[in-house]
Amino acid sequence: MTKRWGMGLVALGLLAPVLAACGHDPVAAPTPTPSASASAAPSYDPALPTAQAVLALVPHDATTLSITDFDQVRAQYGAEPGDPGFWQDATRHSPLLSTGMLRPYARQLHGFGPDDVAWEAHYSGADAASTGWVLAFGPHADMGAVQKAVAVGIGPLAGAKVDATARVVTSSPLAPTDAGWTDLAALVTGPEAESTYVARGCLPGDTQGQRLEPLDAYAVSFGQSLATAYLGADRDDLFVRMRLGQGVAGFRAAFTHGAADPGTGRIGYTMTDPVDAAQQALRSKLPFAMCAD
């Protein structure tokens, strides 16, 4: 397999033309600003795009969510589950937010394995109730075998809950009254991405004396060579937020050629190093998501 991200990177002069030309890179249509309201507990819909479907399984009190869509990563490589060399190449060259939580336990699993995981999500919050994970399995996994592995307590599967019909395993099901993260659906309405990072709130940091509007939540979708940040529609500070990264050496090295679209609330970047770019999201090193002074 070849390095996908090192070939043909196009500088972002204008956001719309570049995003339209990048095929599988995540692009969002204009969306409304996310609401902070919560309603009755939603139900999981596997027919939805991955980043949207996951929201129904995340506790409302969680503060961060990371999703790695292994099926999308495989599609970028033209790989099938079980292809030799996939994990080595993916961990070296792809913007993974997880490298596969079941991989260390592969020899203990029977009837399914790490290659059967379609996508994996991790969420975190202030306590154990708002911290956990979700796994979705592809069509070739034996869900009966998954249930047995959960019952035996293999690795992180110990104590998990299995929905064999939906082919989903969760570390902990939501309470019946928990509305999940569906109030943030407007931030993840773009096409399927290889990885998606979503966070409530904003990040502390040096705003370099710039005036910023408050930021209640943000998301970053990682595609083949582009990362697209979503901060909510109709923001007057989007160009200012985009330029904050120019003064941060580590960010500037991984995210280049920023372009902003205030109407849709998107900032697009070319990634020079997708692995490092994804890690910066996990480490909360994203200048465009800083809190207003």
Protein backbone atom coordinates (compact mmCIF):
# COMPACT_ATOMS: atom_id res chain seq x y z
CA MET A 1 0.00 0.00 0.00
CA THR A 2 1.19 3.53 -0.68
CA LYS A 3 1.07 6.65 1.41
CA ARG A 4 -2.18 8.32 0.41
CA TRP A 5 -1.66 11.61 2.13
CA GLY A 6 1.71 12.44 0.67
CA MET A 7 0.47 12.70 -2.92
CA GLY A 8 -1.22 15.52 -4.69
CA LEU A 9 -1.98 17.86 -1.79
CA VAL A 10 -3.65 20.97 -3.13
CA ALA A 11 -3.23 24.34 -1.47
CA LEU A 12 -6.43 25.79 -0.08
CA GLY A 13 -6.94 29.15 -1.74
CA LEU A 14 -10.72 29.21 -1.43
CA LEU A 15 -12.56 26.76 0.81
CA ALA A 16 -15.46 25.79 -1.43
CA PRO A 17 -13.51 24.93 -4.62
CA VAL A 18 -10.90 22.93 -2.74
CA LEU A 19 -13.39 20.95 -0.68
CA ALA A 20 -15.46 20.21 -3.75
CA ALA A 21 -12.39 18.84 -5.52
CA CYS A 22 -11.20 16.54 -2.75
CA GLY A 23 -13.60 13.63 -3.19
CA HIS A 24 -13.74 11.72 0.06
CA ASP A 25 -12.57 14.56 2.30
CA PRO A 26 -15.31 15.69 4.71
CA VAL A 27 -17.41 18.63 3.53
CA ALA A 28 -20.53 19.96 5.23
CA ALA A 29 -23.52 21.75 3.78
CA PRO A 30 -24.65 24.93 5.56
CA THR A 31 -25.98 23.94 8.96
CA PRO A 32 -27.65 25.73 11.88
CA THR A 33 -25.80 26.53 15.08
CA PRO A 34 -26.13 23.54 17.46
CA SER A 35 -28.65 23.82 20.25
CA ALA A 36 -27.76 23.00 23.83
CA SER A 37 -31.23 21.68 24.63
CA ALA A 38 -31.84 18.05 25.57
CA SER A 39 -34.96 16.01 24.96
CA ALA A 40 -36.11 12.40 25.27
CA ALA A 41 -33.47 9.69 24.85
CA PRO A 42 -32.85 9.09 21.11
CA SER A 43 -32.54 5.69 19.52
CA TYR A 44 -29.49 4.45 17.64
CA ASP A 45 -29.97 4.38 13.86
CA PRO A 46 -27.27 2.33 12.07
CA ALA A 47 -28.49 3.67 8.72
CA LEU A 48 -27.14 7.14 9.57
CA PRO A 49 -23.58 8.18 8.69
CA THR A 50 -21.25 7.00 11.43
CA ALA A 51 -20.56 10.34 13.15
CA GLN A 52 -24.28 11.11 13.31
CA ALA A 53 -25.29 7.63 14.47
CA VAL A 54 -22.79 7.61 17.34
CA LEU A 55 -24.30 10.70 18.97
CA ALA A 56 -27.32 8.74 20.20
CA LEU A 57 -24.99 6.48 22.23
CA VAL A 58 -22.93 9.18 23.99
CA PRO A 59 -24.01 10.44 27.45
CA HIS A 60 -25.06 14.07 27.42
CA ASP A 61 -22.60 14.83 30.25
CA ALA A 62 -19.59 13.66 28.25
CA THR A 63 -17.31 16.46 27.10
CA THR A 64 -15.28 14.89 24.28
CA LEU A 65 -15.96 12.30 21.59
CA SER A 66 -13.54 10.68 19.14
CA ILE A 67 -14.68 8.43 16.30
CA THR A 68 -12.46 6.34 14.05
CA ASP A 69 -14.22 4.85 11.04
CA PHE A 70 -12.02 1.92 10.05
CA ASP A 71 -14.26 1.06 7.11
CA GLN A 72 -13.61 4.51 5.66
CA VAL A 73 -9.86 4.15 6.23
CA ARG A 74 -9.91 0.77 4.47
CA ALA A 75 -11.81 2.31 1.57
CA GLN A 76 -9.10 4.94 1.15
CA TYR A 77 -6.50 2.18 0.88
CA GLY A 78 -8.67 -0.07 -1.25
CA ALA A 79 -8.26 -2.66 1.50
CA GLU A 80 -10.58 -5.37 2.80
CA PRO A 81 -10.85 -6.51 6.43
CA GLY A 82 -7.93 -8.80 7.15
CA ASP A 83 -5.64 -7.40 4.44
CA PRO A 84 -1.99 -7.89 5.46
CA GLY A 85 -0.22 -4.67 6.24
CA PHE A 86 -3.38 -2.60 6.73
CA TRP A 87 -2.85 -1.80 10.39
CA GLN A 88 0.82 -0.97 9.90
CA ASP A 89 0.11 1.45 7.08
CA ALA A 90 -3.00 2.94 8.71
CA THR A 91 -1.27 3.68 12.01
CA ARG A 92 1.67 5.26 10.19
CA HIS A 93 -0.16 7.37 7.64
CA SER A 94 -3.85 7.85 8.54
CA PRO A 95 -5.52 10.34 10.92
CA LEU A 96 -6.64 7.68 13.38
CA LEU A 97 -8.09 8.77 16.71
CA SER A 98 -7.88 5.14 17.87
CA THR A 99 -5.56 2.38 16.71
CA GLY A 100 -8.05 -0.39 17.56
CA MET A 101 -8.86 -1.23 21.17
CA LEU A 102 -9.32 -4.96 20.41
CA ARG A 103 -5.98 -5.45 18.63
CA PRO A 104 -4.01 -6.41 21.80
CA TYR A 105 -6.57 -9.17 22.45
CA ALA A 106 -6.76 -10.60 18.92
CA ARG A 107 -5.46 -14.06 19.91
CA GLN A 108 -8.11 -14.40 22.60
CA LEU A 109 -11.00 -13.65 20.24
CA HIS A 110 -12.75 -16.40 18.27
CA GLY A 111 -15.39 -15.90 15.58
CA PHE A 112 -14.47 -12.24 15.20
CA GLY A 113 -11.48 -9.96 15.58
CA PRO A 114 -10.14 -6.40 15.31
CA ASP A 115 -10.58 -6.49 11.52
CA ASP A 116 -14.33 -6.93 12.00
CA VAL A 117 -14.70 -3.58 13.75
CA ALA A 118 -16.38 -1.14 11.36
CA TRP A 119 -15.90 1.87 13.62
CA GLU A 120 -14.85 2.69 17.15
CA ALA A 121 -15.83 5.63 19.34
CA HIS A 122 -14.52 6.84 22.69
CA TYR A 123 -16.08 9.50 24.88
CA SER A 124 -14.94 11.08 28.12
CA GLY A 125 -16.29 13.32 30.84
CA ALA A 126 -15.82 14.28 34.46
CA ASP A 127 -16.77 10.88 35.91
CA ALA A 128 -17.05 7.19 35.07
CA ALA A 129 -20.69 7.54 34.01
CA SER A 130 -19.72 9.95 31.23
CA THR A 131 -16.66 8.02 30.06
CA GLY A 132 -16.77 4.97 27.82
CA TRP A 133 -16.68 3.53 24.32
CA VAL A 134 -18.75 2.04 21.49
CA LEU A 135 -17.80 -0.58 18.89
CA ALA A 136 -19.74 -1.34 15.70
CA PHE A 137 -19.11 -4.62 13.91
CA GLY A 138 -19.22 -5.37 10.20
CA PRO A 139 -21.39 -8.03 8.56
CA HIS A 140 -18.86 -10.85 8.83
CA ALA A 141 -18.48 -10.78 12.61
CA ASP A 142 -20.20 -13.58 14.52
CA MET A 143 -22.26 -11.61 17.05
CA GLY A 144 -22.83 -14.79 19.04
CA ALA A 145 -19.06 -15.03 19.44
CA VAL A 146 -18.99 -11.38 20.47
CA GLN A 147 -21.59 -12.10 23.16
CA LYS A 148 -19.48 -15.01 24.43
CA ALA A 149 -16.37 -12.81 24.60
CA VAL A 150 -18.32 -10.26 26.61
CA ALA A 151 -19.65 -12.96 28.94
CA VAL A 152 -16.14 -14.38 29.48
CA GLY A 153 -14.81 -10.87 30.05
CA ILE A 154 -12.04 -10.65 27.47
CA GLY A 155 -10.10 -7.40 27.82
CA PRO A 156 -12.18 -4.23 27.59
CA LEU A 157 -15.28 -6.25 26.62
CA ALA A 158 -15.81 -7.30 30.22
CA GLY A 159 -19.11 -5.91 31.46
CA ALA A 160 -20.09 -4.46 28.08
CA LYS A 161 -23.58 -4.57 26.57
CA VAL A 162 -24.26 -6.19 23.19
CA ASP A 163 -26.99 -5.21 20.74
CA ALA A 164 -26.69 -8.12 18.32
CA THR A 165 -29.36 -6.74 16.00
CA ALA A 166 -27.66 -3.36 15.60
CA ARG A 167 -24.22 -5.08 15.74
CA VAL A 168 -23.08 -2.59 18.37
CA VAL A 169 -21.30 -3.12 21.69
CA THR A 170 -21.26 -0.37 24.31
CA SER A 171 -19.29 -0.09 27.52
CA SER A 172 -22.43 1.23 29.20
CA PRO A 173 -25.93 1.90 27.82
CA LEU A 174 -27.48 5.33 28.24
CA ALA A 175 -30.08 5.96 30.92
CA PRO A 176 -33.63 6.07 29.48
CA THR A 177 -33.81 9.83 30.08
CA ASP A 178 -30.39 10.68 28.64
CA ALA A 179 -30.76 12.65 25.39
CA GLY A 180 -27.26 11.80 24.25
CA TRP A 181 -25.32 14.15 22.00
CA THR A 182 -27.93 14.64 19.32
CA ASP A 183 -28.01 18.37 20.09
CA LEU A 184 -24.61 18.54 18.33
CA ALA A 185 -25.78 16.83 15.16
CA ALA A 186 -25.34 20.05 13.15
CA LEU A 187 -21.57 19.78 13.64
CA VAL A 188 -21.26 16.33 12.05
CA THR A 189 -23.53 16.50 9.01
CA GLY A 190 -20.74 16.34 6.42
CA PRO A 191 -19.89 13.24 4.36
CA GLU A 192 -18.27 10.22 6.01
CA ALA A 193 -14.80 10.93 7.39
CA GLU A 194 -11.94 8.67 8.40
CA SER A 195 -12.01 10.15 11.91
CA THR A 196 -14.12 12.75 13.68
CA TYR A 197 -13.40 14.62 16.91
CA VAL A 198 -16.17 16.48 18.72
CA ALA A 199 -15.95 18.51 21.91
CA ARG A 200 -18.26 20.56 24.07
CA GLY A 201 -16.95 23.92 25.18
CA CYS A 202 -13.72 25.58 24.11
CA LEU A 203 -9.99 25.39 24.85
CA PRO A 204 -7.95 27.68 27.10
CA GLY A 205 -5.00 29.38 25.46
CA ASP A 206 -3.37 32.55 24.19
CA THR A 207 -5.80 34.41 21.96
CA GLN A 208 -2.98 36.76 20.93
CA GLY A 209 -5.12 39.75 21.84
CA GLN A 210 -7.78 38.84 19.28
CA ARG A 211 -11.46 39.27 20.06
CA LEU A 212 -13.39 36.02 19.76
CA GLU A 213 -17.03 35.08 20.00
CA PRO A 214 -17.99 32.42 22.58
CA LEU A 215 -17.68 28.83 21.38
CA ASP A 216 -20.04 26.21 22.83
CA ALA A 217 -18.85 23.19 20.83
CA TYR A 218 -16.74 22.25 17.81
CA ALA A 219 -15.92 19.28 15.61
CA VAL A 220 -13.05 18.30 13.33
CA SER A 221 -13.46 15.81 10.48
CA PHE A 222 -10.31 14.20 9.11
CA GLY A 223 -10.32 13.03 5.50
CA GLN A 224 -7.69 11.80 3.09
CA SER A 225 -5.67 15.00 3.02
CA LEU A 226 -7.99 17.63 4.49
CA ALA A 227 -9.14 18.42 8.00
CA THR A 228 -12.31 20.47 8.31
CA ALA A 229 -13.27 22.22 11.53
CA TYR A 230 -16.94 22.99 12.20
CA LEU A 231 -17.69 25.76 14.69
CA GLY A 232 -21.33 26.58 13.90
CA ALA A 233 -22.88 28.74 11.22
CA ASP A 234 -22.66 32.52 10.78
CA ARG A 235 -19.60 33.29 12.89
CA ASP A 236 -17.98 36.72 12.52
CA ASP A 237 -14.73 35.53 14.14
CA LEU A 238 -13.98 32.59 11.84
CA PHE A 239 -11.10 34.25 9.95
CA VAL A 240 -9.58 35.38 13.26
CA ARG A 241 -9.83 31.85 14.64
CA MET A 242 -8.28 30.42 11.48
CA ARG A 243 -5.28 32.76 11.77
CA LEU A 244 -4.62 31.89 15.44
CA GLY A 245 -2.97 28.68 14.30
CA GLN A 246 -0.40 30.55 12.23
CA GLY A 247 1.36 31.60 15.42
CA VAL A 248 1.60 28.08 16.89
CA ALA A 249 4.55 26.18 15.44
CA GLY A 250 3.32 22.65 16.12
CA PHE A 251 -0.12 23.32 14.69
CA ARG A 252 1.27 25.22 11.70
CA ALA A 253 3.50 22.26 10.83
CA ALA A 254 0.59 19.80 10.58
CA PHE A 255 -2.23 22.08 9.35
CA THR A 256 -1.51 24.35 6.39
CA HIS A 257 -3.33 26.57 3.87
CA GLY A 258 -6.27 27.44 6.12
CA ALA A 259 -9.43 28.77 4.48
CA ALA A 260 -12.59 29.88 6.26
CA ASP A 261 -16.26 30.05 5.31
CA PRO A 262 -18.09 32.12 7.97
CA GLY A 263 -21.54 31.35 6.58
CA THR A 264 -21.25 27.61 7.18
CA GLY A 265 -18.81 27.88 10.09
CA ARG A 266 -16.10 25.77 8.43
CA ILE A 267 -12.34 26.10 8.46
CA GLY A 268 -10.50 23.86 6.01
CA TYR A 269 -6.85 22.86 6.30
CA THR A 270 -4.50 20.73 4.24
CA MET A 271 -2.78 18.18 6.48
CA THR A 272 0.95 17.71 5.95
CA ASP A 273 1.00 14.93 8.57
CA PRO A 274 -2.41 13.33 9.19
CA VAL A 275 -1.14 11.24 12.12
CA ASP A 276 0.16 14.29 13.97
CA ALA A 277 -2.93 16.31 13.05
CA ALA A 278 -5.21 13.73 14.67
CA GLN A 279 -3.01 13.58 17.76
CA GLN A 280 -3.21 17.35 18.16
CA ALA A 281 -6.98 17.06 18.33
CA LEU A 282 -6.71 14.40 21.05
CA ARG A 283 -4.24 16.59 22.96
CA SER A 284 -6.55 19.65 22.69
CA LYS A 285 -3.92 21.55 20.67
CA LEU A 286 -6.32 23.33 18.32
CA PRO A 287 -5.88 27.13 18.36
CA PHE A 288 -9.07 27.79 16.38
CA ALA A 289 -11.11 26.36 19.28
CA MET A 290 -9.82 28.76 21.96
CA CYS A 291 -12.16 30.36 24.46
CA ALA A 292 -13.03 34.02 24.20
CA ASP A 293 -11.30 36.21 26.79
